[in-house]
Amino acid sequence: MKINQRHTWTLTTAEAIAIQEKLRGEIITTDKIPTPVQYVAGVDMGFEADGTISRAAVAVLSFPSLQLQETAIARRPTSFPYIPGFLSFREVPAVLDALEKINITPDIILCDGQGIAHPRRFGIACHLGLIVNIPTIGVAKSLLIGKHQEVPEARGSWQLLTDKGETIGAVLRTRTGTKPLYISSGHRVSLTTAIDYVLQCTPKYRLPETTRIADKLASSK
């Protein structure tokens, strides 16, 4: 997998903001996806040794059958503190290490975090997608920014997520009667396409199969 490192990872928050402001202009929110999509991947993070070690996991599944094909785990010292809005600077370095270990290059990566549904429109899905130049989707479990109307209870229902008059994502019910997910474009994926793939990757549970498997790998002892 080609990884285009755009900057160092030892940064102040002011330097991190400057990078987000600079790189967000390169994000593509229209569909630039290989066809047919054969593999989807999920990435997730865990932490060890009181947060001093970052543990990243990647799981690659066949699509649309969602059968597990490959996994990888990578660890490295945590170099950035936990600050909302700066998740990528804390997590992406270890995620890149894990992605370098896999043999199958996924067509789409689903990230456990935000895409453009971010104060500076540059969440972890955007950051990762730009570095690896693979279509990415932000699939967050909680709201970071924006407003939306009430989402109907039925699976597949969704409402637009907006901020300052701009559509930044969607609030999607992936399972009837459970809390919705917050979906946004990361890189090279439109919002409607992101919603479609997330629904196809959640046949049974609230979270995509990609995320569920990567989460278990990242958090298991």
C-alpha atoms as a PDB file:
ATOM      1  CA  MET A   1       0.000   0.000   0.000  1.00  0.00           C
ATOM      2  CA  LYS A   2       1.332   3.397  -0.964  1.00  0.00           C
ATOM      3  CA  ILE A   3       1.526   5.758   1.995  1.00  0.00           C
ATOM      4  CA  ASN A   4       2.192   9.405   1.263  1.00  0.00           C
ATOM      5  CA  GLN A   5       3.345  10.929   4.535  1.00  0.00           C
ATOM      6  CA  ARG A   6       2.445  14.606   4.381  1.00  0.00           C
ATOM      7  CA  HIS A   7       3.941  15.808   7.651  1.00  0.00           C
ATOM      8  CA  THR A   8       5.545  14.696  10.896  1.00  0.00           C
ATOM      9  CA  TRP A   9       3.391  13.489  13.783  1.00  0.00           C
ATOM     10  CA  THR A  10       5.117  15.250  16.680  1.00  0.00           C
ATOM     11  CA  LEU A  11       3.136  18.470  16.681  1.00  0.00           C
ATOM     12  CA  THR A  12       1.587  21.190  18.815  1.00  0.00           C
ATOM     13  CA  THR A  13      -2.163  21.760  18.562  1.00  0.00           C
ATOM     14  CA  ALA A  14      -1.499  24.987  16.653  1.00  0.00           C
ATOM     15  CA  GLU A  15       0.602  23.084  14.118  1.00  0.00           C
ATOM     16  CA  ALA A  16      -2.086  20.392  13.874  1.00  0.00           C
ATOM     17  CA  ILE A  17      -4.764  22.996  13.142  1.00  0.00           C
ATOM     18  CA  ALA A  18      -2.582  24.497  10.417  1.00  0.00           C
ATOM     19  CA  ILE A  19      -2.217  21.058   8.804  1.00  0.00           C
ATOM     20  CA  GLN A  20      -5.976  20.456   8.916  1.00  0.00           C
ATOM     21  CA  GLU A  21      -6.657  23.855   7.372  1.00  0.00           C
ATOM     22  CA  LYS A  22      -4.076  23.237   4.638  1.00  0.00           C
ATOM     23  CA  LEU A  23      -4.994  19.683   3.680  1.00  0.00           C
ATOM     24  CA  ARG A  24      -8.785  19.930   3.811  1.00  0.00           C
ATOM     25  CA  GLY A  25      -8.790  21.624   0.406  1.00  0.00           C
ATOM     26  CA  GLU A  26      -7.528  18.391  -1.146  1.00  0.00           C
ATOM     27  CA  ILE A  27     -10.439  16.289   0.105  1.00  0.00           C
ATOM     28  CA  ILE A  28     -12.728  14.916  -2.621  1.00  0.00           C
ATOM     29  CA  THR A  29     -16.355  14.362  -1.618  1.00  0.00           C
ATOM     30  CA  THR A  30     -17.493  12.869  -4.917  1.00  0.00           C
ATOM     31  CA  ASP A  31     -17.245   9.200  -5.849  1.00  0.00           C
ATOM     32  CA  LYS A  32     -13.811   8.090  -7.009  1.00  0.00           C
ATOM     33  CA  ILE A  33     -14.193   4.419  -6.087  1.00  0.00           C
ATOM     34  CA  PRO A  34     -12.751   1.391  -7.914  1.00  0.00           C
ATOM     35  CA  THR A  35     -15.437  -0.832  -9.427  1.00  0.00           C
ATOM     36  CA  PRO A  36     -16.421  -3.384  -8.605  1.00  0.00           C
ATOM     37  CA  VAL A  37     -15.694  -3.027  -4.895  1.00  0.00           C
ATOM     38  CA  GLN A  38     -14.194  -6.343  -3.785  1.00  0.00           C
ATOM     39  CA  TYR A  39     -12.769  -5.537  -0.362  1.00  0.00           C
ATOM     40  CA  VAL A  40     -13.777  -3.248   2.478  1.00  0.00           C
ATOM     41  CA  ALA A  41     -11.681  -2.607   5.562  1.00  0.00           C
ATOM     42  CA  GLY A  42     -12.219  -1.296   9.048  1.00  0.00           C
ATOM     43  CA  VAL A  43      -9.663   0.366  11.294  1.00  0.00           C
ATOM     44  CA  ASP A  44      -9.908   0.903  15.019  1.00  0.00           C
ATOM     45  CA  MET A  45      -7.725   1.764  17.990  1.00  0.00           C
ATOM     46  CA  GLY A  46      -7.022   0.563  21.477  1.00  0.00           C
ATOM     47  CA  PHE A  47      -4.490   1.726  24.014  1.00  0.00           C
ATOM     48  CA  GLU A  48      -2.172  -0.114  26.347  1.00  0.00           C
ATOM     49  CA  ALA A  49       0.037   0.818  29.307  1.00  0.00           C
ATOM     50  CA  ASP A  50      -2.231   3.603  30.547  1.00  0.00           C
ATOM     51  CA  GLY A  51      -2.544   5.096  27.085  1.00  0.00           C
ATOM     52  CA  THR A  52       1.170   5.346  26.378  1.00  0.00           C
ATOM     53  CA  ILE A  53       1.046   2.654  23.675  1.00  0.00           C
ATOM     54  CA  SER A  54      -1.307   2.918  20.698  1.00  0.00           C
ATOM     55  CA  ARG A  55      -2.623  -0.374  19.343  1.00  0.00           C
ATOM     56  CA  ALA A  56      -4.141  -0.173  15.858  1.00  0.00           C
ATOM     57  CA  ALA A  57      -6.056  -2.921  14.117  1.00  0.00           C
ATOM     58  CA  VAL A  58      -7.189  -3.335  10.535  1.00  0.00           C
ATOM     59  CA  ALA A  59      -9.627  -5.948   9.263  1.00  0.00           C
ATOM     60  CA  VAL A  60     -10.166  -6.598   5.545  1.00  0.00           C
ATOM     61  CA  LEU A  61     -13.430  -8.226   4.490  1.00  0.00           C
ATOM     62  CA  SER A  62     -14.685  -9.412   1.119  1.00  0.00           C
ATOM     63  CA  PHE A  63     -17.554  -7.403  -0.331  1.00  0.00           C
ATOM     64  CA  PRO A  64     -20.489  -7.863  -0.441  1.00  0.00           C
ATOM     65  CA  SER A  65     -20.218 -11.199   1.418  1.00  0.00           C
ATOM     66  CA  LEU A  66     -18.377  -9.570   4.378  1.00  0.00           C
ATOM     67  CA  GLN A  67     -16.168 -12.592   4.996  1.00  0.00           C
ATOM     68  CA  LEU A  68     -12.973 -11.869   6.900  1.00  0.00           C
ATOM     69  CA  GLN A  69      -9.913 -12.076   4.642  1.00  0.00           C
ATOM     70  CA  GLU A  70      -7.015 -10.534   6.539  1.00  0.00           C
ATOM     71  CA  THR A  71      -6.139  -8.734   9.764  1.00  0.00           C
ATOM     72  CA  ALA A  72      -3.141  -6.861  11.135  1.00  0.00           C
ATOM     73  CA  ILE A  73      -2.198  -5.219  14.419  1.00  0.00           C
ATOM     74  CA  ALA A  74       0.482  -2.603  15.048  1.00  0.00           C
ATOM     75  CA  ARG A  75       1.730  -0.889  18.188  1.00  0.00           C
ATOM     76  CA  ARG A  76       3.696   2.285  18.672  1.00  0.00           C
ATOM     77  CA  PRO A  77       4.213   4.872  21.413  1.00  0.00           C
ATOM     78  CA  THR A  78       1.343   7.353  21.649  1.00  0.00           C
ATOM     79  CA  SER A  79       2.678  10.741  20.533  1.00  0.00           C
ATOM     80  CA  PHE A  80      -0.369  13.032  20.727  1.00  0.00           C
ATOM     81  CA  PRO A  81      -2.821  13.620  23.597  1.00  0.00           C
ATOM     82  CA  TYR A  82      -6.547  12.931  23.457  1.00  0.00           C
ATOM     83  CA  ILE A  83      -8.181  16.181  22.324  1.00  0.00           C
ATOM     84  CA  PRO A  84     -11.574  16.252  20.553  1.00  0.00           C
ATOM     85  CA  GLY A  85     -11.119  17.370  16.950  1.00  0.00           C
ATOM     86  CA  PHE A  86      -7.541  16.033  16.773  1.00  0.00           C
ATOM     87  CA  LEU A  87      -8.206  12.303  16.807  1.00  0.00           C
ATOM     88  CA  SER A  88      -6.252  11.628  13.617  1.00  0.00           C
ATOM     89  CA  PHE A  89      -2.992  12.962  15.051  1.00  0.00           C
ATOM     90  CA  ARG A  90      -3.299  10.523  17.941  1.00  0.00           C
ATOM     91  CA  GLU A  91      -4.427   7.464  15.976  1.00  0.00           C
ATOM     92  CA  VAL A  92      -3.354   7.604  12.332  1.00  0.00           C
ATOM     93  CA  PRO A  93       0.380   6.874  12.871  1.00  0.00           C
ATOM     94  CA  ALA A  94      -0.364   3.441  14.343  1.00  0.00           C
ATOM     95  CA  VAL A  95      -3.145   2.813  11.803  1.00  0.00           C
ATOM     96  CA  LEU A  96      -0.640   3.418   8.987  1.00  0.00           C
ATOM     97  CA  ASP A  97       1.709   0.895  10.590  1.00  0.00           C
ATOM     98  CA  ALA A  98      -1.093  -1.688  10.592  1.00  0.00           C
ATOM     99  CA  LEU A  99      -2.089  -0.949   7.000  1.00  0.00           C
ATOM    100  CA  GLU A 100       1.493  -1.464   5.866  1.00  0.00           C
ATOM    101  CA  LYS A 101       1.267  -5.054   7.120  1.00  0.00           C
ATOM    102  CA  ILE A 102      -1.689  -6.171   5.020  1.00  0.00           C
ATOM    103  CA  ASN A 103      -1.378  -7.796   1.606  1.00  0.00           C
ATOM    104  CA  ILE A 104      -4.870  -6.983   0.323  1.00  0.00           C
ATOM    105  CA  THR A 105      -5.435  -3.337  -0.550  1.00  0.00           C
ATOM    106  CA  PRO A 106      -9.045  -2.472   0.344  1.00  0.00           C
ATOM    107  CA  ASP A 107     -11.261  -0.545  -2.062  1.00  0.00           C
ATOM    108  CA  ILE A 108     -12.922   1.365   0.785  1.00  0.00           C
ATOM    109  CA  ILE A 109     -11.918   1.935   4.408  1.00  0.00           C
ATOM    110  CA  LEU A 110     -14.555   2.558   7.096  1.00  0.00           C
ATOM    111  CA  CYS A 111     -13.101   4.600   9.954  1.00  0.00           C
ATOM    112  CA  ASP A 112     -14.308   4.642  13.533  1.00  0.00           C
ATOM    113  CA  GLY A 113     -14.567   8.443  13.637  1.00  0.00           C
ATOM    114  CA  GLN A 114     -15.555  11.491  11.650  1.00  0.00           C
ATOM    115  CA  GLY A 115     -14.943  12.476   8.054  1.00  0.00           C
ATOM    116  CA  ILE A 116     -15.896  16.035   7.097  1.00  0.00           C
ATOM    117  CA  ALA A 117     -18.343  16.172  10.041  1.00  0.00           C
ATOM    118  CA  HIS A 118     -15.620  18.024  11.890  1.00  0.00           C
ATOM    119  CA  PRO A 119     -15.108  21.662  12.968  1.00  0.00           C
ATOM    120  CA  ARG A 120     -12.439  22.121  10.295  1.00  0.00           C
ATOM    121  CA  ARG A 121     -13.970  19.546   7.904  1.00  0.00           C
ATOM    122  CA  PHE A 122     -10.967  17.274   8.317  1.00  0.00           C
ATOM    123  CA  GLY A 123     -11.642  14.346  10.617  1.00  0.00           C
ATOM    124  CA  ILE A 124      -9.716  11.096  10.856  1.00  0.00           C
ATOM    125  CA  ALA A 125     -11.383   9.548   7.787  1.00  0.00           C
ATOM    126  CA  CYS A 126     -10.311  12.534   5.671  1.00  0.00           C
ATOM    127  CA  HIS A 127      -6.782  12.509   7.029  1.00  0.00           C
ATOM    128  CA  LEU A 128      -6.283   8.770   6.538  1.00  0.00           C
ATOM    129  CA  GLY A 129      -7.909   8.727   3.097  1.00  0.00           C
ATOM    130  CA  LEU A 130      -5.687  11.510   1.841  1.00  0.00           C
ATOM    131  CA  ILE A 131      -2.500   9.830   3.069  1.00  0.00           C
ATOM    132  CA  VAL A 132      -3.243   6.397   1.586  1.00  0.00           C
ATOM    133  CA  ASN A 133      -5.334   7.689  -1.361  1.00  0.00           C
ATOM    134  CA  ILE A 134      -8.087   5.166  -0.727  1.00  0.00           C
ATOM    135  CA  PRO A 135     -11.811   6.014  -0.475  1.00  0.00           C
ATOM    136  CA  THR A 136     -12.749   6.438   3.182  1.00  0.00           C
ATOM    137  CA  ILE A 137     -15.970   6.852   5.146  1.00  0.00           C
ATOM    138  CA  GLY A 138     -16.353   8.345   8.590  1.00  0.00           C
ATOM    139  CA  VAL A 139     -18.589   6.169  10.777  1.00  0.00           C
ATOM    140  CA  ALA A 140     -18.784   7.744  14.226  1.00  0.00           C
ATOM    141  CA  LYS A 141     -20.726   6.473  17.219  1.00  0.00           C
ATOM    142  CA  SER A 142     -21.327   9.928  18.673  1.00  0.00           C
ATOM    143  CA  LEU A 143     -21.961  13.477  17.519  1.00  0.00           C
ATOM    144  CA  LEU A 144     -18.986  15.822  17.313  1.00  0.00           C
ATOM    145  CA  ILE A 145     -20.557  18.795  15.587  1.00  0.00           C
ATOM    146  CA  GLY A 146     -23.765  19.738  13.763  1.00  0.00           C
ATOM    147  CA  LYS A 147     -27.532  19.560  14.086  1.00  0.00           C
ATOM    148  CA  HIS A 148     -30.155  17.207  12.682  1.00  0.00           C
ATOM    149  CA  GLN A 149     -33.819  16.330  12.800  1.00  0.00           C
ATOM    150  CA  GLU A 150     -35.087  13.302  14.705  1.00  0.00           C
ATOM    151  CA  VAL A 151     -34.278  10.061  12.873  1.00  0.00           C
ATOM    152  CA  PRO A 152     -37.157   7.591  12.453  1.00  0.00           C
ATOM    153  CA  GLU A 153     -36.711   4.296  14.307  1.00  0.00           C
ATOM    154  CA  ALA A 154     -36.640   1.991  11.268  1.00  0.00           C
ATOM    155  CA  ARG A 155     -33.376   0.632   9.894  1.00  0.00           C
ATOM    156  CA  GLY A 156     -32.174   2.652   6.904  1.00  0.00           C
ATOM    157  CA  SER A 157     -33.790   5.900   8.067  1.00  0.00           C
ATOM    158  CA  TRP A 158     -31.545   8.950   8.082  1.00  0.00           C
ATOM    159  CA  GLN A 159     -31.459  12.715   8.395  1.00  0.00           C
ATOM    160  CA  LEU A 160     -28.968  15.241   7.119  1.00  0.00           C
ATOM    161  CA  LEU A 161     -26.358  16.546   9.548  1.00  0.00           C
ATOM    162  CA  THR A 162     -25.702  20.255   9.050  1.00  0.00           C
ATOM    163  CA  ASP A 163     -23.390  22.890  10.480  1.00  0.00           C
ATOM    164  CA  LYS A 164     -23.521  26.613   9.707  1.00  0.00           C
ATOM    165  CA  GLY A 165     -25.834  25.981   6.762  1.00  0.00           C
ATOM    166  CA  GLU A 166     -23.595  23.282   5.251  1.00  0.00           C
ATOM    167  CA  THR A 167     -24.418  19.593   4.920  1.00  0.00           C
ATOM    168  CA  ILE A 168     -21.572  17.734   6.596  1.00  0.00           C
ATOM    169  CA  GLY A 169     -22.996  14.232   6.938  1.00  0.00           C
ATOM    170  CA  ALA A 170     -25.978  12.117   7.827  1.00  0.00           C
ATOM    171  CA  VAL A 171     -27.390  10.527  10.956  1.00  0.00           C
ATOM    172  CA  LEU A 172     -28.198   6.943   9.997  1.00  0.00           C
ATOM    173  CA  ARG A 173     -30.215   4.269  11.773  1.00  0.00           C
ATOM    174  CA  THR A 174     -28.450   1.005  10.966  1.00  0.00           C
ATOM    175  CA  ARG A 175     -30.612  -1.151  13.231  1.00  0.00           C
ATOM    176  CA  THR A 176     -34.225  -0.573  14.224  1.00  0.00           C
ATOM    177  CA  GLY A 177     -34.556   0.801  17.723  1.00  0.00           C
ATOM    178  CA  THR A 178     -30.835   1.395  18.357  1.00  0.00           C
ATOM    179  CA  LYS A 179     -28.844   4.618  18.489  1.00  0.00           C
ATOM    180  CA  PRO A 180     -27.958   6.010  15.051  1.00  0.00           C
ATOM    181  CA  LEU A 181     -24.464   6.410  13.602  1.00  0.00           C
ATOM    182  CA  TYR A 182     -22.938   9.626  12.265  1.00  0.00           C
ATOM    183  CA  ILE A 183     -21.828   9.129   8.677  1.00  0.00           C
ATOM    184  CA  SER A 184     -19.713  11.535   6.652  1.00  0.00           C
ATOM    185  CA  SER A 185     -17.512  11.543   3.580  1.00  0.00           C
ATOM    186  CA  GLY A 186     -13.857  10.952   4.287  1.00  0.00           C
ATOM    187  CA  HIS A 187     -12.142  11.071   0.903  1.00  0.00           C
ATOM    188  CA  ARG A 188     -13.260  10.063  -2.607  1.00  0.00           C
ATOM    189  CA  VAL A 189     -16.763   9.044  -1.435  1.00  0.00           C
ATOM    190  CA  SER A 190     -20.015  11.014  -1.664  1.00  0.00           C
ATOM    191  CA  LEU A 191     -22.441  11.114   1.249  1.00  0.00           C
ATOM    192  CA  THR A 192     -25.154   9.069  -0.465  1.00  0.00           C
ATOM    193  CA  THR A 193     -22.630   6.410  -1.435  1.00  0.00           C
ATOM    194  CA  ALA A 194     -21.224   6.400   2.099  1.00  0.00           C
ATOM    195  CA  ILE A 195     -24.712   5.745   3.502  1.00  0.00           C
ATOM    196  CA  ASP A 196     -25.226   2.897   1.032  1.00  0.00           C
ATOM    197  CA  TYR A 197     -21.978   1.136   1.899  1.00  0.00           C
ATOM    198  CA  VAL A 198     -22.495   1.535   5.640  1.00  0.00           C
ATOM    199  CA  LEU A 199     -25.919  -0.079   5.342  1.00  0.00           C
ATOM    200  CA  GLN A 200     -24.496  -2.933   3.282  1.00  0.00           C
ATOM    201  CA  CYS A 201     -21.832  -3.451   5.951  1.00  0.00           C
ATOM    202  CA  THR A 202     -24.353  -3.588   8.831  1.00  0.00           C
ATOM    203  CA  PRO A 203     -26.502  -6.654   8.047  1.00  0.00           C
ATOM    204  CA  LYS A 204     -27.016  -7.674  11.694  1.00  0.00           C
ATOM    205  CA  TYR A 205     -25.670  -5.161  14.172  1.00  0.00           C
ATOM    206  CA  ARG A 206     -25.510  -1.424  14.775  1.00  0.00           C
ATOM    207  CA  LEU A 207     -21.833  -1.164  13.816  1.00  0.00           C
ATOM    208  CA  PRO A 208     -20.368  -2.205  10.458  1.00  0.00           C
ATOM    209  CA  GLU A 209     -18.805  -5.668  10.428  1.00  0.00           C
ATOM    210  CA  THR A 210     -15.497  -4.016   9.523  1.00  0.00           C
ATOM    211  CA  THR A 211     -15.577  -1.927  12.687  1.00  0.00           C
ATOM    212  CA  ARG A 212     -16.785  -4.734  14.939  1.00  0.00           C
ATOM    213  CA  ILE A 213     -13.916  -7.000  13.953  1.00  0.00           C
ATOM    214  CA  ALA A 214     -11.275  -4.265  14.077  1.00  0.00           C
ATOM    215  CA  ASP A 215     -12.562  -3.148  17.482  1.00  0.00           C
ATOM    216  CA  LYS A 216     -12.191  -6.657  18.911  1.00  0.00           C
ATOM    217  CA  LEU A 217      -8.646  -6.886  17.582  1.00  0.00           C
ATOM    218  CA  ALA A 218      -7.694  -3.457  18.907  1.00  0.00           C
ATOM    219  CA  SER A 219      -9.097  -4.021  22.379  1.00  0.00           C
ATOM    220  CA  SER A 220      -8.498  -7.718  23.059  1.00  0.00           C
ATOM    221  CA  LYS A 221      -5.661  -8.719  25.354  1.00  0.00           C
END
